[in-house]
Each structure stands twice: as C-alpha cells, then as structure tokens.
Amino acid sequence: MTDKLPPNLLALFAARPPLRWVEPPDHAPQLRKTAPVSGVAAFLPELQKYKETDDYKPTESWLQARDRKTREKKEAVQKLLAEAPTTYKPNEDPNVRGDAFKTLIVARLSYDADERDLEKEFGRIGPIERIRIITDTHAHEKPNKKKKPHRGYAFVVFEREKDMRGKPTPTPLAGHTIPSRTYLLRCGPQACPSLRVYCETQKGPSGLPVSTSCFSFVRHALTRKVLFHGKMY
C-alpha cells in the first residue's frame, strides 16, 4: 500500500542503513570452547593422604558445653551426697576457733568494712577475743567473677559470754551501719536455746544436718533489728 504514496512520503518509510561491521572482541559463539572437565578419581589418593595426616580436633559447641556443665553439676552433687557425710568433720576445722557461746555473727556486712571497723563498733559491748571476716579462698578459680574483699559476713568472738548475749538495753546497735551499710546480727545456735531444737532438726543445702558444734546460725526472717539470745529488740 505504501507503494502508492508520493516520493516525499515514501522516503519517510525507507529502511535505515545497515550497521557498520566490527570485529567481535571474543570468540564466536559457535567456536567457543570451555575447559574440559575431568572426573574426581585422580583426587581420591590425595583425599586418603589428607585423612591420614590430618590432626583436626572438633571444637565444642554451646549446646554440648551446656549439656556437659549440667552433667558435671549432677555428678558433683551425687559425689557430695555420697562422700560428704564421711568427710564432714566440723570439729577438726582449723579455722573454727573460740567458743560458740561467745560468738556473734555479723551478716550483710559492707565490703568496705574491715576488722578495725568491727572492733570499733562492737568493742563498746565488751572485750573482744577475735574477729574474723570470711574471705573467698577460691577466687582465683573464678577469673570472670568480680573480685570482692570478703564474703560479706564475719564472726566476732567475745571474751565473756554475757557480752555476746547482750546488755539489758542493746538498742544502740539497732540500725547502725558499718561503714555505709546497715548490718544484721545473729547469734550462734549454742547461744540461743530457743533455736537449738530447730537447728538440730533442720538440714542444710547439701542434705546434711546443721551442726550445733560450729558457728552455724539460723537464717531468721529478713530484718534490720538486733537478735540477742533468741529475742528481737
């Protein structure tokens, strides 16, 4: 139908000139060849040689570590329950010195406190024979745990039993701080007849009976008051 158009319009439908020929930068598709692929049979001897000389040791995953720690804790508890009754000898402990009747337990002790603070605080009650602040002897086995100067409690041994039992009005000690923390006082079961039967019938976390011959004490209700001779003030 376009052949019937006039020449001036027919020129608008004329085809464009062909593209200029340029040499291709790569091989022609019909002439392209890739590297030949061989089998893996030639590598089997090398794999066997690597297997014989390899010293790879697999690492422990976090799931395996969790299961291992749980298993070790259970085994430690079973071992403690089996061996602790025969090895538990509080009367032979070299760190236990003094009379339990004269011993006062100072709990919730500030980490900034030392023996001089305790002597200054309790020396006004009566003469003191010995002060011992409990420290962690296994701190070197816990590298990731924050180091603390002591465990937060101490034992004060008086020279006289009546000083440990308390004055008629021991209220001046109630609510005091050493040096910036309110402490809690408890007496040993030997010095608290009202708690002696309770101690003899209770068992500790390891399943062993609480001994009344050492510095064991009953965890009373949380309070900031002073406990003397089984009485609250």
C-alpha atoms as a PDB file:
ATOM      1  CA  MET A   1       0.000   0.000   0.000  1.00  0.00           C
ATOM      2  CA  THR A   2       2.991   2.270   0.652  1.00  0.00           C
ATOM      3  CA  ASP A   3       3.991   1.981  -2.977  1.00  0.00           C
ATOM      4  CA  LYS A   4       1.078   4.252  -3.863  1.00  0.00           C
ATOM      5  CA  LEU A   5       2.461   7.077  -1.681  1.00  0.00           C
ATOM      6  CA  PRO A   6       4.210  10.027  -3.239  1.00  0.00           C
ATOM      7  CA  PRO A   7       8.019  10.018  -3.189  1.00  0.00           C
ATOM      8  CA  ASN A   8       8.222  12.655  -0.474  1.00  0.00           C
ATOM      9  CA  LEU A   9       6.174  10.471   1.914  1.00  0.00           C
ATOM     10  CA  LEU A  10       7.686   7.213   0.755  1.00  0.00           C
ATOM     11  CA  ALA A  11      11.100   8.459   1.874  1.00  0.00           C
ATOM     12  CA  LEU A  12       9.837   8.562   5.465  1.00  0.00           C
ATOM     13  CA  PHE A  13       9.316   4.771   5.415  1.00  0.00           C
ATOM     14  CA  ALA A  14      12.693   3.921   3.951  1.00  0.00           C
ATOM     15  CA  ALA A  15      14.848   1.424   5.942  1.00  0.00           C
ATOM     16  CA  ARG A  16      17.909   2.622   7.836  1.00  0.00           C
ATOM     17  CA  PRO A  17      21.362   1.800   6.521  1.00  0.00           C
ATOM     18  CA  PRO A  18      22.919  -1.408   7.965  1.00  0.00           C
ATOM     19  CA  LEU A  19      25.277  -1.200  10.956  1.00  0.00           C
ATOM     20  CA  ARG A  20      28.967  -0.962  10.404  1.00  0.00           C
ATOM     21  CA  TRP A  21      30.758  -4.306  10.755  1.00  0.00           C
ATOM     22  CA  VAL A  22      33.132  -4.505  13.716  1.00  0.00           C
ATOM     23  CA  GLU A  23      35.392  -7.399  14.571  1.00  0.00           C
ATOM     24  CA  PRO A  24      33.993  -9.257  17.660  1.00  0.00           C
ATOM     25  CA  PRO A  25      36.114  -8.894  20.863  1.00  0.00           C
ATOM     26  CA  ASP A  26      35.702 -12.569  21.777  1.00  0.00           C
ATOM     27  CA  HIS A  27      35.371 -15.885  20.065  1.00  0.00           C
ATOM     28  CA  ALA A  28      32.255 -16.512  18.086  1.00  0.00           C
ATOM     29  CA  PRO A  29      29.599 -18.497  19.985  1.00  0.00           C
ATOM     30  CA  GLN A  30      29.831 -21.366  17.542  1.00  0.00           C
ATOM     31  CA  LEU A  31      33.596 -21.512  18.033  1.00  0.00           C
ATOM     32  CA  ARG A  32      33.673 -21.092  21.831  1.00  0.00           C
ATOM     33  CA  LYS A  33      35.142 -23.988  23.863  1.00  0.00           C
ATOM     34  CA  THR A  34      35.355 -24.341  27.671  1.00  0.00           C
ATOM     35  CA  ALA A  35      37.975 -26.165  29.717  1.00  0.00           C
ATOM     36  CA  PRO A  36      37.473 -29.899  29.687  1.00  0.00           C
ATOM     37  CA  VAL A  37      36.033 -31.306  32.963  1.00  0.00           C
ATOM     38  CA  SER A  38      37.610 -34.498  34.216  1.00  0.00           C
ATOM     39  CA  GLY A  39      36.412 -36.863  36.961  1.00  0.00           C
ATOM     40  CA  VAL A  40      37.390 -36.879  40.664  1.00  0.00           C
ATOM     41  CA  ALA A  41      39.103 -40.251  40.509  1.00  0.00           C
ATOM     42  CA  ALA A  42      42.502 -38.564  40.310  1.00  0.00           C
ATOM     43  CA  PHE A  43      41.883 -36.805  43.681  1.00  0.00           C
ATOM     44  CA  LEU A  44      40.917 -39.892  45.704  1.00  0.00           C
ATOM     45  CA  PRO A  45      44.535 -40.780  46.654  1.00  0.00           C
ATOM     46  CA  GLU A  46      45.099 -37.200  47.822  1.00  0.00           C
ATOM     47  CA  LEU A  47      41.970 -37.311  49.987  1.00  0.00           C
ATOM     48  CA  GLN A  48      43.152 -40.528  51.613  1.00  0.00           C
ATOM     49  CA  LYS A  49      46.580 -38.995  52.276  1.00  0.00           C
ATOM     50  CA  TYR A  50      44.959 -35.909  53.869  1.00  0.00           C
ATOM     51  CA  LYS A  51      42.802 -38.112  56.073  1.00  0.00           C
ATOM     52  CA  GLU A  52      45.853 -39.964  57.387  1.00  0.00           C
ATOM     53  CA  THR A  53      47.877 -36.827  58.164  1.00  0.00           C
ATOM     54  CA  ASP A  54      45.071 -34.557  59.380  1.00  0.00           C
ATOM     55  CA  ASP A  55      45.150 -33.636  63.118  1.00  0.00           C
ATOM     56  CA  TYR A  56      41.905 -31.660  63.228  1.00  0.00           C
ATOM     57  CA  LYS A  57      40.105 -31.649  66.572  1.00  0.00           C
ATOM     58  CA  PRO A  58      36.463 -30.516  66.520  1.00  0.00           C
ATOM     59  CA  THR A  59      35.525 -27.692  68.891  1.00  0.00           C
ATOM     60  CA  GLU A  60      32.756 -27.956  71.462  1.00  0.00           C
ATOM     61  CA  SER A  61      29.501 -26.268  70.517  1.00  0.00           C
ATOM     62  CA  TRP A  62      27.488 -24.233  73.015  1.00  0.00           C
ATOM     63  CA  LEU A  63      24.854 -26.960  73.184  1.00  0.00           C
ATOM     64  CA  GLN A  64      27.477 -29.579  74.034  1.00  0.00           C
ATOM     65  CA  ALA A  65      29.029 -27.232  76.618  1.00  0.00           C
ATOM     66  CA  ARG A  66      25.642 -26.670  78.254  1.00  0.00           C
ATOM     67  CA  ASP A  67      24.932 -30.399  78.434  1.00  0.00           C
ATOM     68  CA  ARG A  68      28.431 -31.079  79.784  1.00  0.00           C
ATOM     69  CA  LYS A  69      28.105 -28.473  82.555  1.00  0.00           C
ATOM     70  CA  THR A  70      24.695 -29.817  83.550  1.00  0.00           C
ATOM     71  CA  ARG A  71      26.058 -33.347  83.660  1.00  0.00           C
ATOM     72  CA  GLU A  72      29.098 -32.289  85.719  1.00  0.00           C
ATOM     73  CA  LYS A  73      26.888 -30.467  88.240  1.00  0.00           C
ATOM     74  CA  LYS A  74      24.711 -33.540  88.696  1.00  0.00           C
ATOM     75  CA  GLU A  75      27.774 -35.749  89.144  1.00  0.00           C
ATOM     76  CA  ALA A  76      29.234 -33.295  91.689  1.00  0.00           C
ATOM     77  CA  VAL A  77      26.004 -33.324  93.696  1.00  0.00           C
ATOM     78  CA  GLN A  78      25.865 -37.123  93.676  1.00  0.00           C
ATOM     79  CA  LYS A  79      29.509 -37.286  94.774  1.00  0.00           C
ATOM     80  CA  LEU A  80      28.866 -34.766  97.553  1.00  0.00           C
ATOM     81  CA  LEU A  81      25.882 -36.705  98.847  1.00  0.00           C
ATOM     82  CA  ALA A  82      27.932 -39.920  98.851  1.00  0.00           C
ATOM     83  CA  GLU A  83      31.193 -38.597 100.358  1.00  0.00           C
ATOM     84  CA  ALA A  84      30.208 -35.566 102.437  1.00  0.00           C
ATOM     85  CA  PRO A  85      28.763 -37.497 105.430  1.00  0.00           C
ATOM     86  CA  THR A  86      32.117 -39.242 105.930  1.00  0.00           C
ATOM     87  CA  THR A  87      34.354 -36.221 105.304  1.00  0.00           C
ATOM     88  CA  TYR A  88      32.293 -33.603 107.156  1.00  0.00           C
ATOM     89  CA  LYS A  89      34.188 -33.039 110.422  1.00  0.00           C
ATOM     90  CA  PRO A  90      33.475 -29.520 111.713  1.00  0.00           C
ATOM     91  CA  ASN A  91      35.269 -30.211 114.998  1.00  0.00           C
ATOM     92  CA  GLU A  92      38.540 -30.680 113.094  1.00  0.00           C
ATOM     93  CA  ASP A  93      38.269 -27.439 111.087  1.00  0.00           C
ATOM     94  CA  PRO A  94      41.427 -25.368 111.855  1.00  0.00           C
ATOM     95  CA  ASN A  95      39.589 -22.121 111.102  1.00  0.00           C
ATOM     96  CA  VAL A  96      36.937 -22.744 113.759  1.00  0.00           C
ATOM     97  CA  ARG A  97      38.310 -21.293 116.971  1.00  0.00           C
ATOM     98  CA  GLY A  98      36.685 -19.921 120.081  1.00  0.00           C
ATOM     99  CA  ASP A  99      33.514 -20.733 121.969  1.00  0.00           C
ATOM    100  CA  ALA A 100      30.219 -20.725 120.072  1.00  0.00           C
ATOM    101  CA  PHE A 101      28.517 -19.363 123.204  1.00  0.00           C
ATOM    102  CA  LYS A 102      30.637 -16.226 122.870  1.00  0.00           C
ATOM    103  CA  THR A 103      30.378 -15.824 119.088  1.00  0.00           C
ATOM    104  CA  LEU A 104      28.269 -13.244 117.284  1.00  0.00           C
ATOM    105  CA  ILE A 105      27.602 -13.406 113.532  1.00  0.00           C
ATOM    106  CA  VAL A 106      27.596 -10.128 111.616  1.00  0.00           C
ATOM    107  CA  ALA A 107      25.759 -10.570 108.307  1.00  0.00           C
ATOM    108  CA  ARG A 108      25.091  -8.191 105.405  1.00  0.00           C
ATOM    109  CA  LEU A 109      28.440  -6.560 106.078  1.00  0.00           C
ATOM    110  CA  SER A 110      29.668  -3.751 103.833  1.00  0.00           C
ATOM    111  CA  TYR A 111      32.548  -4.676 101.514  1.00  0.00           C
ATOM    112  CA  ASP A 112      34.370  -1.542 102.666  1.00  0.00           C
ATOM    113  CA  ALA A 113      34.434  -2.725 106.288  1.00  0.00           C
ATOM    114  CA  ASP A 114      37.471  -4.313 107.937  1.00  0.00           C
ATOM    115  CA  GLU A 115      38.471  -5.651 111.373  1.00  0.00           C
ATOM    116  CA  ARG A 116      39.076  -2.166 112.748  1.00  0.00           C
ATOM    117  CA  ASP A 117      35.516  -1.095 111.941  1.00  0.00           C
ATOM    118  CA  LEU A 118      34.091  -4.162 113.661  1.00  0.00           C
ATOM    119  CA  GLU A 119      36.308  -3.684 116.680  1.00  0.00           C
ATOM    120  CA  LYS A 120      35.242  -0.051 116.954  1.00  0.00           C
ATOM    121  CA  GLU A 121      31.559  -0.962 116.626  1.00  0.00           C
ATOM    122  CA  PHE A 122      31.399  -3.971 118.980  1.00  0.00           C
ATOM    123  CA  GLY A 123      34.244  -3.097 121.329  1.00  0.00           C
ATOM    124  CA  ARG A 124      31.905  -0.929 123.388  1.00  0.00           C
ATOM    125  CA  ILE A 125      29.841  -4.006 124.311  1.00  0.00           C
ATOM    126  CA  GLY A 126      32.766  -5.828 125.880  1.00  0.00           C
ATOM    127  CA  PRO A 127      36.325  -7.063 125.333  1.00  0.00           C
ATOM    128  CA  ILE A 128      36.752  -8.919 122.032  1.00  0.00           C
ATOM    129  CA  GLU A 129      38.901 -12.031 121.759  1.00  0.00           C
ATOM    130  CA  ARG A 130      38.944 -12.500 117.965  1.00  0.00           C
ATOM    131  CA  ILE A 131      37.417 -11.012 114.823  1.00  0.00           C
ATOM    132  CA  ARG A 132      37.332 -12.979 111.583  1.00  0.00           C
ATOM    133  CA  ILE A 133      35.957 -11.678 108.289  1.00  0.00           C
ATOM    134  CA  ILE A 134      35.337 -14.539 105.857  1.00  0.00           C
ATOM    135  CA  THR A 135      37.142 -14.265 102.516  1.00  0.00           C
ATOM    136  CA  ASP A 136      36.788 -16.295  99.336  1.00  0.00           C
ATOM    137  CA  THR A 137      39.759 -18.675  99.159  1.00  0.00           C
ATOM    138  CA  HIS A 138      38.698 -19.924  95.705  1.00  0.00           C
ATOM    139  CA  ALA A 139      38.550 -16.520  93.997  1.00  0.00           C
ATOM    140  CA  HIS A 140      41.447 -17.474  91.698  1.00  0.00           C
ATOM    141  CA  GLU A 141      39.264 -20.260  90.256  1.00  0.00           C
ATOM    142  CA  LYS A 142      36.666 -17.708  89.070  1.00  0.00           C
ATOM    143  CA  PRO A 143      38.511 -15.382  86.655  1.00  0.00           C
ATOM    144  CA  ASN A 144      35.307 -13.952  85.150  1.00  0.00           C
ATOM    145  CA  LYS A 145      33.769 -13.062  88.504  1.00  0.00           C
ATOM    146  CA  LYS A 146      34.237  -9.654  90.089  1.00  0.00           C
ATOM    147  CA  LYS A 147      36.759  -9.782  92.926  1.00  0.00           C
ATOM    148  CA  LYS A 148      35.427  -8.828  96.360  1.00  0.00           C
ATOM    149  CA  PRO A 149      37.459  -8.165  99.511  1.00  0.00           C
ATOM    150  CA  HIS A 150      35.376 -10.622 101.551  1.00  0.00           C
ATOM    151  CA  ARG A 151      32.143 -12.641 101.548  1.00  0.00           C
ATOM    152  CA  GLY A 152      30.005 -10.099 103.398  1.00  0.00           C
ATOM    153  CA  TYR A 153      29.836 -11.650 106.875  1.00  0.00           C
ATOM    154  CA  ALA A 154      32.102 -12.001 109.887  1.00  0.00           C
ATOM    155  CA  PHE A 155      32.422 -13.668 113.314  1.00  0.00           C
ATOM    156  CA  VAL A 156      33.063 -11.683 116.470  1.00  0.00           C
ATOM    157  CA  VAL A 157      34.217 -13.741 119.482  1.00  0.00           C
ATOM    158  CA  PHE A 158      33.863 -12.006 122.844  1.00  0.00           C
ATOM    159  CA  GLU A 159      35.911 -12.875 125.899  1.00  0.00           C
ATOM    160  CA  ARG A 160      32.781 -13.186 128.043  1.00  0.00           C
ATOM    161  CA  GLU A 161      29.566 -14.966 127.187  1.00  0.00           C
ATOM    162  CA  LYS A 162      27.373 -12.330 128.790  1.00  0.00           C
ATOM    163  CA  ASP A 163      28.714  -9.720 126.368  1.00  0.00           C
ATOM    164  CA  MET A 164      27.591 -11.806 123.386  1.00  0.00           C
ATOM    165  CA  ARG A 165      24.174 -12.386 124.972  1.00  0.00           C
ATOM    166  CA  GLY A 166      23.673  -8.638 125.132  1.00  0.00           C
ATOM    167  CA  LYS A 167      23.079  -5.905 127.617  1.00  0.00           C
ATOM    168  CA  PRO A 168      19.658  -5.274 129.149  1.00  0.00           C
ATOM    169  CA  THR A 169      19.225  -2.483 126.554  1.00  0.00           C
ATOM    170  CA  PRO A 170      21.161  -3.363 123.385  1.00  0.00           C
ATOM    171  CA  THR A 171      19.123  -0.962 121.244  1.00  0.00           C
ATOM    172  CA  PRO A 172      22.105   1.382 120.490  1.00  0.00           C
ATOM    173  CA  LEU A 173      23.298  -1.205 117.928  1.00  0.00           C
ATOM    174  CA  ALA A 174      19.970  -1.438 116.108  1.00  0.00           C
ATOM    175  CA  GLY A 175      20.039   0.145 112.661  1.00  0.00           C
ATOM    176  CA  HIS A 176      23.724   1.145 112.754  1.00  0.00           C
ATOM    177  CA  THR A 177      25.903   0.998 109.653  1.00  0.00           C
ATOM    178  CA  ILE A 178      29.466  -0.249 109.029  1.00  0.00           C
ATOM    179  CA  PRO A 179      30.601   1.992 107.406  1.00  0.00           C
ATOM    180  CA  SER A 180      27.832   2.798 104.937  1.00  0.00           C
ATOM    181  CA  ARG A 181      25.584  -0.256 105.014  1.00  0.00           C
ATOM    182  CA  THR A 182      23.093  -1.454 107.606  1.00  0.00           C
ATOM    183  CA  TYR A 183      24.303  -4.736 109.051  1.00  0.00           C
ATOM    184  CA  LEU A 184      22.386  -7.655 110.525  1.00  0.00           C
ATOM    185  CA  LEU A 185      23.320  -9.530 113.705  1.00  0.00           C
ATOM    186  CA  ARG A 186      22.621 -13.136 114.544  1.00  0.00           C
ATOM    187  CA  CYS A 187      23.819 -15.368 117.346  1.00  0.00           C
ATOM    188  CA  GLY A 188      25.015 -18.960 117.177  1.00  0.00           C
ATOM    189  CA  PRO A 189      22.572 -21.787 117.997  1.00  0.00           C
ATOM    190  CA  GLN A 190      24.545 -22.707 121.103  1.00  0.00           C
ATOM    191  CA  ALA A 191      23.876 -19.244 122.493  1.00  0.00           C
ATOM    192  CA  CYS A 192      20.185 -19.303 121.524  1.00  0.00           C
ATOM    193  CA  PRO A 193      18.363 -22.038 123.475  1.00  0.00           C
ATOM    194  CA  SER A 194      15.105 -21.128 121.766  1.00  0.00           C
ATOM    195  CA  LEU A 195      16.662 -22.033 118.371  1.00  0.00           C
ATOM    196  CA  ARG A 196      18.731 -25.060 119.400  1.00  0.00           C
ATOM    197  CA  VAL A 197      15.994 -27.635 118.733  1.00  0.00           C
ATOM    198  CA  TYR A 198      15.293 -26.058 115.346  1.00  0.00           C
ATOM    199  CA  CYS A 199      18.956 -26.310 114.359  1.00  0.00           C
ATOM    200  CA  GLU A 200      19.243 -29.942 115.414  1.00  0.00           C
ATOM    201  CA  THR A 201      16.262 -30.983 113.300  1.00  0.00           C
ATOM    202  CA  GLN A 202      16.991 -28.949 110.148  1.00  0.00           C
ATOM    203  CA  LYS A 203      19.224 -29.898 107.229  1.00  0.00           C
ATOM    204  CA  GLY A 204      21.498 -27.751 105.132  1.00  0.00           C
ATOM    205  CA  PRO A 205      21.555 -27.308 101.321  1.00  0.00           C
ATOM    206  CA  SER A 206      23.696 -30.433 100.897  1.00  0.00           C
ATOM    207  CA  GLY A 207      21.250 -32.609 102.853  1.00  0.00           C
ATOM    208  CA  LEU A 208      23.496 -32.795 105.927  1.00  0.00           C
ATOM    209  CA  PRO A 209      22.172 -31.904 109.393  1.00  0.00           C
ATOM    210  CA  VAL A 210      23.067 -28.439 110.625  1.00  0.00           C
ATOM    211  CA  SER A 211      25.794 -28.844 113.230  1.00  0.00           C
ATOM    212  CA  THR A 212      25.366 -27.045 116.564  1.00  0.00           C
ATOM    213  CA  SER A 213      29.014 -27.525 117.493  1.00  0.00           C
ATOM    214  CA  CYS A 214      30.340 -24.990 114.974  1.00  0.00           C
ATOM    215  CA  PHE A 215      29.405 -21.455 114.025  1.00  0.00           C
ATOM    216  CA  SER A 216      26.120 -22.396 112.352  1.00  0.00           C
ATOM    217  CA  PHE A 217      23.240 -19.973 112.668  1.00  0.00           C
ATOM    218  CA  VAL A 218      19.571 -19.900 111.725  1.00  0.00           C
ATOM    219  CA  ARG A 219      18.520 -17.649 108.883  1.00  0.00           C
ATOM    220  CA  HIS A 220      15.753 -15.708 110.570  1.00  0.00           C
ATOM    221  CA  ALA A 221      13.209 -13.523 108.770  1.00  0.00           C
ATOM    222  CA  LEU A 222      14.734 -10.585 106.937  1.00  0.00           C
ATOM    223  CA  THR A 223      15.085  -7.765 109.432  1.00  0.00           C
ATOM    224  CA  ARG A 224      17.439  -4.954 110.291  1.00  0.00           C
ATOM    225  CA  LYS A 225      16.938  -5.339 114.038  1.00  0.00           C
ATOM    226  CA  VAL A 226      19.354  -6.913 116.500  1.00  0.00           C
ATOM    227  CA  LEU A 227      18.958 -10.534 117.627  1.00  0.00           C
ATOM    228  CA  PHE A 228      20.359 -11.320 121.078  1.00  0.00           C
ATOM    229  CA  HIS A 229      19.759 -14.611 122.882  1.00  0.00           C
ATOM    230  CA  GLY A 230      16.821 -15.502 120.624  1.00  0.00           C
ATOM    231  CA  LYS A 231      14.994 -12.222 121.363  1.00  0.00           C
ATOM    232  CA  MET A 232      14.246  -9.387 118.982  1.00  0.00           C
ATOM    233  CA  TYR A 233      14.854  -5.767 120.021  1.00  0.00           C
END
